[in-house]
Amino acid sequence: MKVLLVNGSSKNNGCTSVALSEVARALREEGIETETVFLGNQPFPDCTGCRKCREIGECIFHDIANDLAEKAKNCDGFVFGSPVYYAHPSARLLAVMDRAFYSGSKNFAFKPAAAVLSARRAGTTASFDVINKHFTISSMPVVASTYWNHVYGRKAEDVQQDKEGLMTMYNIGKNMAWMIKCFALGKENGILHPDNEKILTDFIR
């Protein structure tokens, strides 16, 4: 059992890293393997809407978005972390998520996921909503905690003092481990995920 954690911050060891590390600590305590991927601080192209990924099975831009979609095949859960910029997650994280989920949605489907945010003061709940929508459109159970999934601080040292925020991160890990184990037990007993229908319409027909 393995969980992939994605750090969408431009700083590898900043506030978001502290939050993700606490989630990972709880997962490891429950016997779940973890891998953390740092996106880096280089720009990433946005989805062009070309739909070539439907033909070739991957995004036309060969970067970390394709790597994440490929890694997702062998993962049982996901945590996506981001700082808050103008009440919004980082653009690099959203560009990567848009393309990874669009080109490789089947690799994420029916696996639990959580979004975690870090902020100096505000904008976390709006950012939380944006990331969660990737999960809800992909048949992914959203992992809850005991409060909103965010931590506060201008720098990593500040987040270390946010005891409630760190507790929230830790409980995400515990809850995700529980869900993953329950799903595995269900699968062992012949309870498989549904084969959902998908019909696309617009407002005209």
N, C-alpha and C. Protein backbone atom coordinates (compact mmCIF):
# COMPACT_ATOMS: atom_id res chain seq x y z
N MET A 1 0.84 -1.19 0.00
CA MET A 1 0.00 0.00 0.00
C MET A 1 0.88 1.24 0.00
N LYS A 2 0.52 2.19 -0.86
CA LYS A 2 1.38 3.36 -1.04
C LYS A 2 0.55 4.60 -1.30
N VAL A 3 1.01 5.73 -0.74
CA VAL A 3 0.38 7.03 -0.96
C VAL A 3 1.40 7.96 -1.58
N LEU A 4 0.97 8.67 -2.62
CA LEU A 4 1.80 9.67 -3.28
C LEU A 4 1.42 11.05 -2.78
N LEU A 5 2.40 11.80 -2.28
CA LEU A 5 2.18 13.16 -1.80
C LEU A 5 2.88 14.12 -2.76
N VAL A 6 2.16 15.15 -3.19
CA VAL A 6 2.69 16.09 -4.19
C VAL A 6 2.79 17.48 -3.57
N ASN A 7 3.99 18.04 -3.61
CA ASN A 7 4.24 19.37 -3.06
C ASN A 7 4.22 20.39 -4.20
N GLY A 8 3.16 21.21 -4.23
CA GLY A 8 3.00 22.20 -5.29
C GLY A 8 3.58 23.56 -4.96
N SER A 9 4.35 23.66 -3.90
CA SER A 9 4.99 24.92 -3.54
C SER A 9 6.24 25.14 -4.37
N SER A 10 6.71 26.38 -4.43
CA SER A 10 7.98 26.67 -5.10
C SER A 10 9.16 26.43 -4.16
N LYS A 11 8.86 26.16 -2.88
CA LYS A 11 9.91 25.93 -1.88
C LYS A 11 9.81 24.49 -1.38
N ASN A 12 10.88 23.76 -1.55
CA ASN A 12 10.87 22.33 -1.21
C ASN A 12 10.74 22.09 0.29
N ASN A 13 11.25 23.01 1.09
CA ASN A 13 11.25 22.81 2.54
C ASN A 13 10.49 23.92 3.27
N GLY A 14 9.42 24.39 2.66
CA GLY A 14 8.63 25.46 3.25
C GLY A 14 7.44 24.96 4.04
N CYS A 15 6.43 25.80 4.15
CA CYS A 15 5.24 25.50 4.97
C CYS A 15 4.48 24.28 4.47
N THR A 16 4.31 24.18 3.16
CA THR A 16 3.58 23.05 2.59
C THR A 16 4.30 21.74 2.87
N SER A 17 5.61 21.77 2.82
CA SER A 17 6.40 20.57 3.11
C SER A 17 6.18 20.09 4.53
N VAL A 18 6.10 21.01 5.47
CA VAL A 18 5.85 20.64 6.87
C VAL A 18 4.50 19.94 6.99
N ALA A 19 3.48 20.49 6.32
CA ALA A 19 2.15 19.89 6.38
C ALA A 19 2.14 18.48 5.79
N LEU A 20 2.74 18.33 4.62
CA LEU A 20 2.78 17.02 3.97
C LEU A 20 3.58 16.01 4.79
N SER A 21 4.63 16.47 5.43
CA SER A 21 5.46 15.57 6.23
C SER A 21 4.67 14.99 7.40
N GLU A 22 3.78 15.79 7.95
CA GLU A 22 2.98 15.31 9.09
C GLU A 22 1.95 14.28 8.62
N VAL A 23 1.37 14.49 7.43
CA VAL A 23 0.47 13.49 6.88
C VAL A 23 1.24 12.19 6.63
N ALA A 24 2.42 12.31 6.05
CA ALA A 24 3.24 11.14 5.73
C ALA A 24 3.64 10.39 7.00
N ARG A 25 3.91 11.11 8.07
CA ARG A 25 4.30 10.46 9.34
C ARG A 25 3.19 9.55 9.83
N ALA A 26 1.96 10.04 9.78
CA ALA A 26 0.82 9.24 10.23
C ALA A 26 0.62 8.02 9.34
N LEU A 27 0.78 8.20 8.04
CA LEU A 27 0.63 7.07 7.11
C LEU A 27 1.66 6.00 7.38
N ARG A 28 2.90 6.40 7.58
CA ARG A 28 3.96 5.41 7.84
C ARG A 28 3.73 4.67 9.14
N GLU A 29 3.20 5.36 10.13
CA GLU A 29 2.89 4.69 11.40
C GLU A 29 1.85 3.58 11.20
N GLU A 30 1.01 3.75 10.18
CA GLU A 30 -0.02 2.76 9.87
C GLU A 30 0.45 1.73 8.86
N GLY A 31 1.75 1.74 8.57
CA GLY A 31 2.31 0.75 7.65
C GLY A 31 2.12 1.05 6.19
N ILE A 32 1.79 2.30 5.86
CA ILE A 32 1.58 2.71 4.48
C ILE A 32 2.86 3.36 3.94
N GLU A 33 3.35 2.88 2.82
CA GLU A 33 4.52 3.47 2.18
C GLU A 33 4.15 4.85 1.62
N THR A 34 5.09 5.78 1.67
CA THR A 34 4.83 7.12 1.12
C THR A 34 5.95 7.53 0.17
N GLU A 35 5.57 8.35 -0.80
CA GLU A 35 6.54 8.99 -1.69
C GLU A 35 6.10 10.43 -1.88
N THR A 36 7.02 11.36 -1.67
CA THR A 36 6.72 12.78 -1.86
C THR A 36 7.40 13.30 -3.11
N VAL A 37 6.64 13.96 -3.96
CA VAL A 37 7.17 14.53 -5.20
C VAL A 37 7.09 16.05 -5.10
N PHE A 38 8.22 16.70 -5.28
CA PHE A 38 8.29 18.16 -5.30
C PHE A 38 8.26 18.61 -6.76
N LEU A 39 7.28 19.44 -7.10
CA LEU A 39 7.14 19.86 -8.49
C LEU A 39 8.26 20.78 -8.95
N GLY A 40 8.91 21.44 -8.01
CA GLY A 40 9.95 22.39 -8.37
C GLY A 40 9.36 23.77 -8.58
N ASN A 41 10.19 24.71 -9.03
CA ASN A 41 9.72 26.08 -9.22
C ASN A 41 9.81 26.56 -10.66
N GLN A 42 9.92 25.61 -11.59
CA GLN A 42 9.88 25.97 -13.00
C GLN A 42 8.42 26.04 -13.47
N PRO A 43 8.14 26.80 -14.53
CA PRO A 43 6.77 26.89 -15.04
C PRO A 43 6.37 25.61 -15.77
N PHE A 44 5.07 25.32 -15.77
CA PHE A 44 4.54 24.18 -16.50
C PHE A 44 3.46 24.67 -17.46
N PRO A 45 3.37 24.08 -18.64
CA PRO A 45 2.30 24.48 -19.57
C PRO A 45 0.94 24.03 -19.07
N ASP A 46 -0.05 24.82 -19.40
CA ASP A 46 -1.43 24.50 -19.08
C ASP A 46 -1.98 23.52 -20.13
N CYS A 47 -3.09 22.90 -19.83
CA CYS A 47 -3.76 22.04 -20.80
C CYS A 47 -4.23 22.89 -21.97
N THR A 48 -3.96 22.44 -23.20
CA THR A 48 -4.35 23.19 -24.39
C THR A 48 -5.74 22.79 -24.89
N GLY A 49 -6.29 21.71 -24.33
CA GLY A 49 -7.59 21.24 -24.80
C GLY A 49 -7.52 20.51 -26.13
N CYS A 50 -6.32 20.06 -26.51
CA CYS A 50 -6.15 19.40 -27.82
C CYS A 50 -6.74 17.99 -27.85
N ARG A 51 -6.87 17.39 -26.68
CA ARG A 51 -7.43 16.04 -26.53
C ARG A 51 -6.58 14.94 -27.19
N LYS A 52 -5.34 15.24 -27.52
CA LYS A 52 -4.46 14.22 -28.08
C LYS A 52 -4.20 13.10 -27.08
N CYS A 53 -4.29 13.43 -25.78
CA CYS A 53 -4.06 12.40 -24.75
C CYS A 53 -5.07 11.27 -24.86
N ARG A 54 -6.26 11.56 -25.41
CA ARG A 54 -7.26 10.51 -25.61
C ARG A 54 -6.81 9.51 -26.66
N GLU A 55 -5.93 9.95 -27.56
CA GLU A 55 -5.43 9.08 -28.62
C GLU A 55 -4.15 8.36 -28.22
N ILE A 56 -3.23 9.10 -27.57
CA ILE A 56 -1.91 8.53 -27.30
C ILE A 56 -1.74 8.04 -25.87
N GLY A 57 -2.71 8.35 -25.00
CA GLY A 57 -2.67 7.83 -23.63
C GLY A 57 -1.84 8.63 -22.66
N GLU A 58 -1.33 9.77 -23.08
CA GLU A 58 -0.58 10.63 -22.19
C GLU A 58 -0.61 12.05 -22.73
N CYS A 59 -0.24 13.02 -21.87
CA CYS A 59 -0.22 14.41 -22.28
C CYS A 59 0.87 14.65 -23.32
N ILE A 60 0.61 15.57 -24.24
CA ILE A 60 1.61 15.86 -25.28
C ILE A 60 2.84 16.55 -24.72
N PHE A 61 2.71 17.19 -23.55
CA PHE A 61 3.86 17.82 -22.90
C PHE A 61 4.51 16.77 -22.00
N HIS A 62 5.73 16.41 -22.31
CA HIS A 62 6.39 15.32 -21.59
C HIS A 62 7.15 15.88 -20.39
N ASP A 63 6.42 16.00 -19.28
CA ASP A 63 7.02 16.51 -18.06
C ASP A 63 6.44 15.75 -16.86
N ILE A 64 6.46 16.37 -15.71
CA ILE A 64 6.08 15.68 -14.48
C ILE A 64 4.60 15.31 -14.42
N ALA A 65 3.75 15.95 -15.23
CA ALA A 65 2.34 15.58 -15.26
C ALA A 65 2.18 14.14 -15.73
N ASN A 66 2.92 13.76 -16.76
CA ASN A 66 2.89 12.38 -17.23
C ASN A 66 3.50 11.43 -16.20
N ASP A 67 4.55 11.90 -15.53
CA ASP A 67 5.18 11.07 -14.49
C ASP A 67 4.19 10.77 -13.36
N LEU A 68 3.44 11.78 -12.94
CA LEU A 68 2.47 11.58 -11.86
C LEU A 68 1.36 10.64 -12.29
N ALA A 69 0.86 10.81 -13.50
CA ALA A 69 -0.19 9.91 -14.00
C ALA A 69 0.30 8.47 -14.04
N GLU A 70 1.55 8.29 -14.39
CA GLU A 70 2.13 6.94 -14.45
C GLU A 70 2.32 6.38 -13.04
N LYS A 71 2.83 7.20 -12.14
CA LYS A 71 3.02 6.76 -10.75
C LYS A 71 1.69 6.38 -10.11
N ALA A 72 0.62 7.08 -10.51
CA ALA A 72 -0.69 6.86 -9.91
C ALA A 72 -1.19 5.44 -10.09
N LYS A 73 -0.72 4.76 -11.14
CA LYS A 73 -1.15 3.38 -11.39
C LYS A 73 -0.86 2.49 -10.19
N ASN A 74 0.26 2.74 -9.53
CA ASN A 74 0.72 1.87 -8.45
C ASN A 74 0.55 2.48 -7.07
N CYS A 75 -0.30 3.50 -6.98
CA CYS A 75 -0.56 4.14 -5.69
C CYS A 75 -2.00 3.88 -5.25
N ASP A 76 -2.20 3.91 -3.93
CA ASP A 76 -3.53 3.63 -3.36
C ASP A 76 -4.19 4.88 -2.81
N GLY A 77 -3.47 6.00 -2.75
CA GLY A 77 -4.02 7.24 -2.24
C GLY A 77 -3.12 8.39 -2.61
N PHE A 78 -3.66 9.62 -2.47
CA PHE A 78 -2.93 10.81 -2.92
C PHE A 78 -3.18 11.98 -1.98
N VAL A 79 -2.14 12.80 -1.81
CA VAL A 79 -2.27 14.05 -1.07
C VAL A 79 -1.61 15.14 -1.92
N PHE A 80 -2.37 16.18 -2.23
CA PHE A 80 -1.84 17.29 -3.01
C PHE A 80 -1.77 18.52 -2.11
N GLY A 81 -0.58 19.09 -1.99
CA GLY A 81 -0.38 20.23 -1.10
C GLY A 81 0.03 21.48 -1.86
N SER A 82 -0.43 22.63 -1.37
CA SER A 82 -0.10 23.89 -2.02
C SER A 82 -0.14 25.05 -1.04
N PRO A 83 0.71 26.06 -1.26
CA PRO A 83 0.51 27.32 -0.56
C PRO A 83 -0.66 28.06 -1.20
N VAL A 84 -1.15 29.08 -0.53
CA VAL A 84 -2.25 29.89 -1.05
C VAL A 84 -1.68 31.15 -1.71
N TYR A 85 -2.07 31.36 -2.97
CA TYR A 85 -1.72 32.59 -3.69
C TYR A 85 -3.01 33.25 -4.14
N TYR A 86 -3.32 34.41 -3.63
CA TYR A 86 -4.54 35.13 -4.01
C TYR A 86 -5.78 34.24 -3.89
N ALA A 87 -5.89 33.58 -2.73
CA ALA A 87 -7.03 32.69 -2.45
C ALA A 87 -7.16 31.59 -3.50
N HIS A 88 -6.00 31.09 -3.94
CA HIS A 88 -5.98 30.09 -4.99
C HIS A 88 -4.72 29.23 -4.83
N PRO A 89 -4.78 27.95 -5.19
CA PRO A 89 -3.55 27.13 -5.14
C PRO A 89 -2.53 27.64 -6.15
N SER A 90 -1.33 27.11 -6.07
CA SER A 90 -0.29 27.53 -7.00
C SER A 90 -0.66 27.14 -8.43
N ALA A 91 -0.35 28.00 -9.37
CA ALA A 91 -0.67 27.75 -10.78
C ALA A 91 0.07 26.51 -11.28
N ARG A 92 1.29 26.29 -10.80
CA ARG A 92 2.04 25.12 -11.27
C ARG A 92 1.36 23.82 -10.86
N LEU A 93 0.82 23.79 -9.63
CA LEU A 93 0.12 22.59 -9.19
C LEU A 93 -1.13 22.35 -10.02
N LEU A 94 -1.90 23.40 -10.27
CA LEU A 94 -3.14 23.24 -11.01
C LEU A 94 -2.87 22.85 -12.47
N ALA A 95 -1.83 23.41 -13.07
CA ALA A 95 -1.50 23.04 -14.45
C ALA A 95 -1.15 21.56 -14.52
N VAL A 96 -0.36 21.10 -13.57
CA VAL A 96 0.03 19.69 -13.55
C VAL A 96 -1.16 18.78 -13.24
N MET A 97 -1.98 19.17 -12.27
CA MET A 97 -3.13 18.35 -11.92
C MET A 97 -4.13 18.28 -13.08
N ASP A 98 -4.40 19.42 -13.71
CA ASP A 98 -5.34 19.43 -14.84
C ASP A 98 -4.92 18.43 -15.90
N ARG A 99 -3.65 18.45 -16.24
CA ARG A 99 -3.17 17.59 -17.32
C ARG A 99 -3.03 16.13 -16.88
N ALA A 100 -2.56 15.91 -15.66
CA ALA A 100 -2.41 14.53 -15.18
C ALA A 100 -3.77 13.86 -15.02
N PHE A 101 -4.74 14.59 -14.49
CA PHE A 101 -6.06 14.01 -14.28
C PHE A 101 -6.81 13.83 -15.60
N TYR A 102 -6.63 14.75 -16.53
CA TYR A 102 -7.34 14.64 -17.80
C TYR A 102 -6.79 13.49 -18.63
N SER A 103 -5.47 13.35 -18.64
CA SER A 103 -4.86 12.31 -19.48
C SER A 103 -4.82 10.94 -18.80
N GLY A 104 -4.82 10.93 -17.47
CA GLY A 104 -4.68 9.65 -16.76
C GLY A 104 -5.69 9.45 -15.67
N SER A 105 -6.92 9.92 -15.87
CA SER A 105 -7.93 9.87 -14.81
C SER A 105 -8.20 8.46 -14.31
N LYS A 106 -8.10 7.47 -15.19
CA LYS A 106 -8.38 6.09 -14.77
C LYS A 106 -7.39 5.59 -13.72
N ASN A 107 -6.21 6.20 -13.67
CA ASN A 107 -5.20 5.78 -12.69
C ASN A 107 -5.46 6.36 -11.31
N PHE A 108 -6.32 7.38 -11.23
CA PHE A 108 -6.66 8.02 -9.96
C PHE A 108 -8.01 7.56 -9.42
N ALA A 109 -8.87 7.09 -10.30
CA ALA A 109 -10.26 6.80 -9.93
C ALA A 109 -10.38 5.79 -8.80
N PHE A 110 -11.33 6.05 -7.90
CA PHE A 110 -11.71 5.18 -6.78
C PHE A 110 -10.61 5.04 -5.72
N LYS A 111 -9.65 5.95 -5.74
CA LYS A 111 -8.59 5.95 -4.73
C LYS A 111 -8.74 7.21 -3.88
N PRO A 112 -8.63 7.12 -2.56
CA PRO A 112 -8.84 8.29 -1.70
C PRO A 112 -7.78 9.36 -1.89
N ALA A 113 -8.21 10.60 -1.72
CA ALA A 113 -7.30 11.73 -1.91
C ALA A 113 -7.63 12.85 -0.93
N ALA A 114 -6.63 13.66 -0.67
CA ALA A 114 -6.80 14.81 0.22
C ALA A 114 -6.02 16.00 -0.32
N ALA A 115 -6.56 17.19 -0.10
CA ALA A 115 -5.86 18.43 -0.41
C ALA A 115 -5.44 19.07 0.91
N VAL A 116 -4.21 19.59 0.96
CA VAL A 116 -3.76 20.33 2.14
C VAL A 116 -3.20 21.67 1.68
N LEU A 117 -3.49 22.71 2.45
CA LEU A 117 -3.09 24.07 2.10
C LEU A 117 -2.32 24.72 3.23
N SER A 118 -1.42 25.61 2.86
CA SER A 118 -0.72 26.44 3.85
C SER A 118 -0.93 27.90 3.47
N ALA A 119 -1.11 28.73 4.49
CA ALA A 119 -1.34 30.15 4.24
C ALA A 119 -0.85 30.98 5.42
N ARG A 120 -0.52 32.22 5.13
CA ARG A 120 -0.17 33.12 6.22
C ARG A 120 -1.40 33.44 7.05
N ARG A 121 -2.55 33.65 6.33
CA ARG A 121 -3.74 34.07 7.07
C ARG A 121 -5.05 33.55 6.49
N ALA A 122 -5.29 33.72 5.18
CA ALA A 122 -6.61 33.40 4.63
C ALA A 122 -6.49 32.84 3.22
N GLY A 123 -7.63 32.45 2.67
CA GLY A 123 -7.68 31.93 1.31
C GLY A 123 -7.62 30.42 1.22
N THR A 124 -7.53 29.75 2.37
CA THR A 124 -7.34 28.30 2.35
C THR A 124 -8.58 27.55 1.90
N THR A 125 -9.76 27.96 2.37
CA THR A 125 -10.96 27.19 2.04
C THR A 125 -11.30 27.29 0.56
N ALA A 126 -11.08 28.45 -0.05
CA ALA A 126 -11.30 28.59 -1.49
C ALA A 126 -10.33 27.70 -2.27
N SER A 127 -9.08 27.68 -1.83
CA SER A 127 -8.07 26.85 -2.49
C SER A 127 -8.36 25.36 -2.30
N PHE A 128 -8.83 25.02 -1.12
CA PHE A 128 -9.23 23.65 -0.78
C PHE A 128 -10.30 23.17 -1.75
N ASP A 129 -11.26 24.03 -2.02
CA ASP A 129 -12.36 23.69 -2.92
C ASP A 129 -11.86 23.43 -4.33
N VAL A 130 -10.93 24.24 -4.81
CA VAL A 130 -10.42 24.10 -6.17
C VAL A 130 -9.75 22.74 -6.37
N ILE A 131 -8.88 22.36 -5.44
CA ILE A 131 -8.18 21.08 -5.58
C ILE A 131 -9.14 19.91 -5.43
N ASN A 132 -10.06 20.01 -4.48
CA ASN A 132 -11.00 18.90 -4.25
C ASN A 132 -11.83 18.57 -5.48
N LYS A 133 -12.08 19.55 -6.33
CA LYS A 133 -12.91 19.29 -7.50
C LYS A 133 -12.25 18.33 -8.48
N HIS A 134 -10.94 18.24 -8.46
CA HIS A 134 -10.27 17.22 -9.27
C HIS A 134 -10.66 15.83 -8.78
N PHE A 135 -10.84 15.69 -7.48
CA PHE A 135 -11.17 14.38 -6.91
C PHE A 135 -12.62 14.01 -7.19
N THR A 136 -13.52 14.96 -6.97
CA THR A 136 -14.94 14.63 -7.05
C THR A 136 -15.38 14.36 -8.48
N ILE A 137 -14.66 14.88 -9.47
CA ILE A 137 -15.00 14.60 -10.86
C ILE A 137 -14.35 13.31 -11.34
N SER A 138 -13.50 12.72 -10.50
CA SER A 138 -12.75 11.52 -10.88
C SER A 138 -13.11 10.30 -10.04
N SER A 139 -14.27 10.33 -9.41
CA SER A 139 -14.74 9.19 -8.58
C SER A 139 -13.77 8.84 -7.46
N MET A 140 -13.17 9.87 -6.87
CA MET A 140 -12.20 9.64 -5.79
C MET A 140 -12.81 10.03 -4.44
N PRO A 141 -12.82 9.12 -3.47
CA PRO A 141 -13.29 9.48 -2.14
C PRO A 141 -12.39 10.55 -1.52
N VAL A 142 -12.99 11.59 -0.98
CA VAL A 142 -12.23 12.69 -0.38
C VAL A 142 -12.01 12.41 1.10
N VAL A 143 -10.77 12.47 1.52
CA VAL A 143 -10.42 12.16 2.91
C VAL A 143 -10.65 13.37 3.80
N ALA A 144 -11.41 13.17 4.85
CA ALA A 144 -11.69 14.23 5.81
C ALA A 144 -10.71 14.18 6.97
N SER A 145 -10.74 15.21 7.79
CA SER A 145 -9.94 15.24 9.01
C SER A 145 -10.84 15.73 10.13
N THR A 146 -10.23 16.38 11.10
CA THR A 146 -10.98 16.88 12.25
C THR A 146 -11.13 18.40 12.23
N TYR A 147 -10.64 19.01 11.16
CA TYR A 147 -10.83 20.43 10.90
C TYR A 147 -10.46 20.66 9.44
N TRP A 148 -10.58 21.91 8.97
CA TRP A 148 -10.20 22.19 7.59
C TRP A 148 -8.74 21.81 7.37
N ASN A 149 -8.46 21.30 6.17
CA ASN A 149 -7.12 20.76 5.88
C ASN A 149 -6.10 21.86 5.58
N HIS A 150 -5.79 22.67 6.58
CA HIS A 150 -4.80 23.71 6.34
C HIS A 150 -3.96 24.00 7.58
N VAL A 151 -2.81 24.60 7.30
CA VAL A 151 -1.91 25.04 8.37
C VAL A 151 -1.61 26.52 8.14
N TYR A 152 -1.21 27.19 9.21
CA TYR A 152 -0.92 28.62 9.14
C TYR A 152 0.56 28.90 9.41
N GLY A 153 1.09 29.88 8.68
CA GLY A 153 2.45 30.31 8.93
C GLY A 153 3.05 31.01 7.73
N ARG A 154 3.92 31.96 8.00
CA ARG A 154 4.64 32.64 6.91
C ARG A 154 5.86 31.82 6.50
N LYS A 155 6.42 31.08 7.44
CA LYS A 155 7.58 30.24 7.15
C LYS A 155 7.43 28.91 7.89
N ALA A 156 8.28 27.96 7.52
CA ALA A 156 8.15 26.60 8.06
C ALA A 156 8.15 26.57 9.59
N GLU A 157 8.97 27.42 10.19
CA GLU A 157 9.05 27.45 11.65
C GLU A 157 7.72 27.87 12.28
N ASP A 158 6.98 28.73 11.60
CA ASP A 158 5.67 29.14 12.10
C ASP A 158 4.69 27.96 12.09
N VAL A 159 4.72 27.20 11.01
CA VAL A 159 3.81 26.06 10.89
C VAL A 159 4.09 25.03 11.99
N GLN A 160 5.34 24.88 12.35
CA GLN A 160 5.69 23.94 13.42
C GLN A 160 5.02 24.31 14.74
N GLN A 161 4.62 25.57 14.88
CA GLN A 161 3.95 26.02 16.10
C GLN A 161 2.42 25.93 16.01
N ASP A 162 1.92 25.64 14.82
CA ASP A 162 0.47 25.52 14.62
C ASP A 162 0.03 24.11 15.02
N LYS A 163 -0.14 23.91 16.30
CA LYS A 163 -0.41 22.56 16.83
C LYS A 163 -1.72 21.98 16.31
N GLU A 164 -2.75 22.81 16.19
CA GLU A 164 -4.02 22.29 15.68
C GLU A 164 -3.89 21.93 14.20
N GLY A 165 -3.19 22.77 13.45
CA GLY A 165 -2.98 22.48 12.04
C GLY A 165 -2.21 21.18 11.84
N LEU A 166 -1.16 20.98 12.63
CA LEU A 166 -0.38 19.76 12.53
C LEU A 166 -1.21 18.55 12.93
N MET A 167 -2.04 18.70 13.95
CA MET A 167 -2.94 17.61 14.35
C MET A 167 -3.89 17.26 13.21
N THR A 168 -4.38 18.29 12.53
CA THR A 168 -5.28 18.07 11.39
C THR A 168 -4.57 17.27 10.30
N MET A 169 -3.32 17.62 10.01
CA MET A 169 -2.54 16.89 9.00
C MET A 169 -2.34 15.44 9.42
N TYR A 170 -2.00 15.24 10.68
CA TYR A 170 -1.77 13.89 11.20
C TYR A 170 -3.03 13.04 11.08
N ASN A 171 -4.17 13.64 11.39
CA ASN A 171 -5.44 12.91 11.32
C ASN A 171 -5.85 12.59 9.89
N ILE A 172 -5.43 13.43 8.94
CA ILE A 172 -5.64 13.10 7.53
C ILE A 172 -4.95 11.78 7.21
N GLY A 173 -3.70 11.68 7.63
CA GLY A 173 -2.95 10.46 7.37
C GLY A 173 -3.59 9.24 8.01
N LYS A 174 -4.05 9.38 9.24
CA LYS A 174 -4.71 8.26 9.93
C LYS A 174 -6.00 7.86 9.20
N ASN A 175 -6.78 8.85 8.82
CA ASN A 175 -8.05 8.57 8.15
C ASN A 175 -7.84 7.96 6.77
N MET A 176 -6.82 8.44 6.06
CA MET A 176 -6.54 7.89 4.74
C MET A 176 -6.07 6.44 4.85
N ALA A 177 -5.21 6.15 5.82
CA ALA A 177 -4.75 4.78 6.02
C ALA A 177 -5.92 3.85 6.29
N TRP A 178 -6.85 4.30 7.12
CA TRP A 178 -8.05 3.51 7.44
C TRP A 178 -8.86 3.23 6.18
N MET A 179 -9.06 4.25 5.35
CA MET A 179 -9.84 4.07 4.12
C MET A 179 -9.15 3.10 3.16
N ILE A 180 -7.85 3.25 3.00
CA ILE A 180 -7.11 2.38 2.08
C ILE A 180 -7.21 0.92 2.53
N LYS A 181 -7.08 0.70 3.83
CA LYS A 181 -7.17 -0.66 4.35
C LYS A 181 -8.58 -1.23 4.20
N CYS A 182 -9.58 -0.39 4.40
CA CYS A 182 -10.97 -0.85 4.23
C CYS A 182 -11.23 -1.22 2.77
N PHE A 183 -10.75 -0.41 1.85
CA PHE A 183 -10.95 -0.70 0.42
C PHE A 183 -10.24 -2.00 0.03
N ALA A 184 -9.04 -2.20 0.56
CA ALA A 184 -8.28 -3.42 0.25
C ALA A 184 -9.02 -4.64 0.78
N LEU A 185 -9.55 -4.53 1.99
CA LEU A 185 -10.30 -5.64 2.58
C LEU A 185 -11.56 -5.94 1.78
N GLY A 186 -12.23 -4.89 1.33
CA GLY A 186 -13.42 -5.07 0.51
C GLY A 186 -13.08 -5.79 -0.80
N LYS A 187 -11.98 -5.37 -1.44
CA LYS A 187 -11.57 -5.99 -2.69
C LYS A 187 -11.26 -7.47 -2.49
N GLU A 188 -10.60 -7.79 -1.37
CA GLU A 188 -10.28 -9.18 -1.08
C GLU A 188 -11.54 -10.04 -0.92
N ASN A 189 -12.63 -9.40 -0.54
CA ASN A 189 -13.88 -10.10 -0.32
C ASN A 189 -14.88 -9.92 -1.48
N GLY A 190 -14.34 -9.53 -2.62
CA GLY A 190 -15.16 -9.46 -3.82
C GLY A 190 -16.01 -8.22 -3.97
N ILE A 191 -15.75 -7.19 -3.14
CA ILE A 191 -16.50 -5.94 -3.27
C ILE A 191 -15.66 -4.99 -4.12
N LEU A 192 -16.04 -4.88 -5.39
CA LEU A 192 -15.27 -4.09 -6.33
C LEU A 192 -15.94 -2.73 -6.55
N HIS A 193 -15.15 -1.78 -7.05
CA HIS A 193 -15.72 -0.45 -7.31
C HIS A 193 -16.73 -0.53 -8.46
N PRO A 194 -17.68 0.38 -8.51
CA PRO A 194 -18.70 0.36 -9.56
C PRO A 194 -18.13 0.68 -10.93
N ASP A 195 -18.81 0.22 -11.95
CA ASP A 195 -18.46 0.56 -13.32
C ASP A 195 -19.41 1.68 -13.74
N ASN A 196 -19.02 2.90 -13.51
CA ASN A 196 -19.91 4.04 -13.68
C ASN A 196 -20.19 4.37 -15.14
N GLU A 197 -21.41 4.81 -15.40
CA GLU A 197 -21.76 5.31 -16.72
C GLU A 197 -21.21 6.73 -16.88
N LYS A 198 -20.99 7.13 -18.13
CA LYS A 198 -20.55 8.50 -18.38
C LYS A 198 -21.20 9.00 -19.66
N ILE A 199 -22.08 9.97 -19.50
CA ILE A 199 -22.75 10.59 -20.63
C ILE A 199 -22.43 12.08 -20.61
N LEU A 200 -21.95 12.60 -21.73
CA LEU A 200 -21.58 14.01 -21.81
C LEU A 200 -22.65 14.78 -22.57
N THR A 201 -23.12 15.86 -21.97
CA THR A 201 -24.11 16.71 -22.62
C THR A 201 -23.70 18.17 -22.45
N ASP A 202 -24.37 19.04 -23.18
CA ASP A 202 -24.22 20.46 -22.94
C ASP A 202 -25.60 21.04 -22.64
N PHE A 203 -25.74 22.34 -22.69
CA PHE A 203 -27.01 22.94 -22.30
C PHE A 203 -28.03 22.99 -23.45
N ILE A 204 -27.63 22.50 -24.61
CA ILE A 204 -28.54 22.49 -25.76
C ILE A 204 -29.20 21.14 -25.92
N ARG A 205 -28.45 20.06 -25.72
CA ARG A 205 -29.02 18.72 -25.90
C ARG A 205 -28.37 17.76 -24.92
